[in-house]
Protein backbone atom coordinates (compact mmCIF):
# COMPACT_ATOMS: atom_id res chain seq x y z
CA UNK A 1 62.95 92.05 81.65
CA UNK A 2 62.64 89.80 84.65
CA UNK A 3 61.29 86.29 84.21
CA UNK A 4 60.27 83.93 87.00
CA UNK A 5 61.76 80.63 85.86
CA UNK A 6 60.83 77.23 87.23
CA UNK A 7 63.37 74.63 86.14
CA UNK A 8 64.25 71.36 87.85
CA UNK A 9 61.51 72.19 90.40
CA UNK A 10 63.42 75.32 91.50
CA UNK A 11 61.99 78.82 91.09
CA UNK A 12 64.35 81.70 90.38
CA UNK A 13 63.99 85.20 89.01
CA UNK A 14 66.33 85.95 86.13
CA UNK A 15 67.12 89.05 84.11
CA UNK A 16 66.65 88.27 80.46
CA UNK A 17 67.14 90.38 77.32
CA UNK A 18 65.45 88.12 74.75
CA UNK A 19 61.88 88.16 73.44
CA UNK A 20 60.67 84.60 72.92
CA UNK A 21 60.65 81.25 74.64
CA UNK A 22 63.18 80.11 72.04
CA UNK A 23 65.52 82.91 73.14
CA UNK A 24 65.06 81.84 76.76
CA UNK A 25 65.86 78.21 75.95
CA UNK A 26 69.08 79.29 74.24
CA UNK A 27 69.92 81.55 77.20
CA UNK A 28 69.42 78.60 79.56
CA UNK A 29 71.28 76.13 77.28
CA UNK A 30 68.18 73.94 77.15
CA UNK A 31 67.37 71.67 74.21
CA UNK A 32 63.78 72.46 73.17
CA UNK A 33 63.20 68.82 72.27
CA UNK A 34 63.61 67.78 75.92
CA UNK A 35 61.14 70.10 77.67
CA UNK A 36 57.51 71.10 77.77
CA UNK A 37 56.94 74.81 78.28
CA UNK A 38 54.33 76.60 80.37
CA UNK A 39 53.88 80.36 80.61
CA UNK A 40 51.68 81.48 83.50
CA UNK A 41 50.38 77.88 83.88
CA UNK A 42 49.37 77.52 80.19
CA UNK A 43 51.25 75.33 77.73
CA UNK A 44 53.21 77.36 75.20
CA UNK A 45 55.36 76.99 72.10
CA UNK A 46 58.88 78.22 71.40
CA UNK A 47 57.65 81.22 69.40
CA UNK A 48 55.58 82.68 72.26
CA UNK A 49 56.53 86.24 73.22
CA UNK A 50 57.55 86.69 76.85
CA UNK A 51 56.54 89.64 79.03
CA UNK A 52 58.13 91.12 82.13
CA UNK A 53 57.05 89.14 85.20
CA UNK A 54 55.94 86.01 83.32
CA UNK A 55 56.27 82.70 85.13
CA UNK A 56 57.93 80.23 82.76
CA UNK A 57 58.08 76.58 83.68
CA UNK A 58 60.40 74.20 81.82
CA UNK A 59 59.25 70.64 82.40
CA UNK A 60 61.80 67.94 81.59
CA UNK A 61 60.52 64.77 80.03
CA UNK A 62 62.20 61.57 78.93
CA UNK A 63 61.17 59.72 75.79
CA UNK A 64 61.36 55.95 76.09
CA UNK A 65 60.93 55.08 72.42
């Protein structure tokens, strides 16, 4: 499937063989504890199923404990 990925404020279209956001994070070597996830402008969790053409935004955040 093709996913429109927004990461580091850059939008790219990637070919992706996984099913879930968790699979995508692994594919992108992204630690799930460091990002917020949006699918088609709605906040999502790691277990959300992705569909062809989805727009996935990975929003970095920094915790200052």
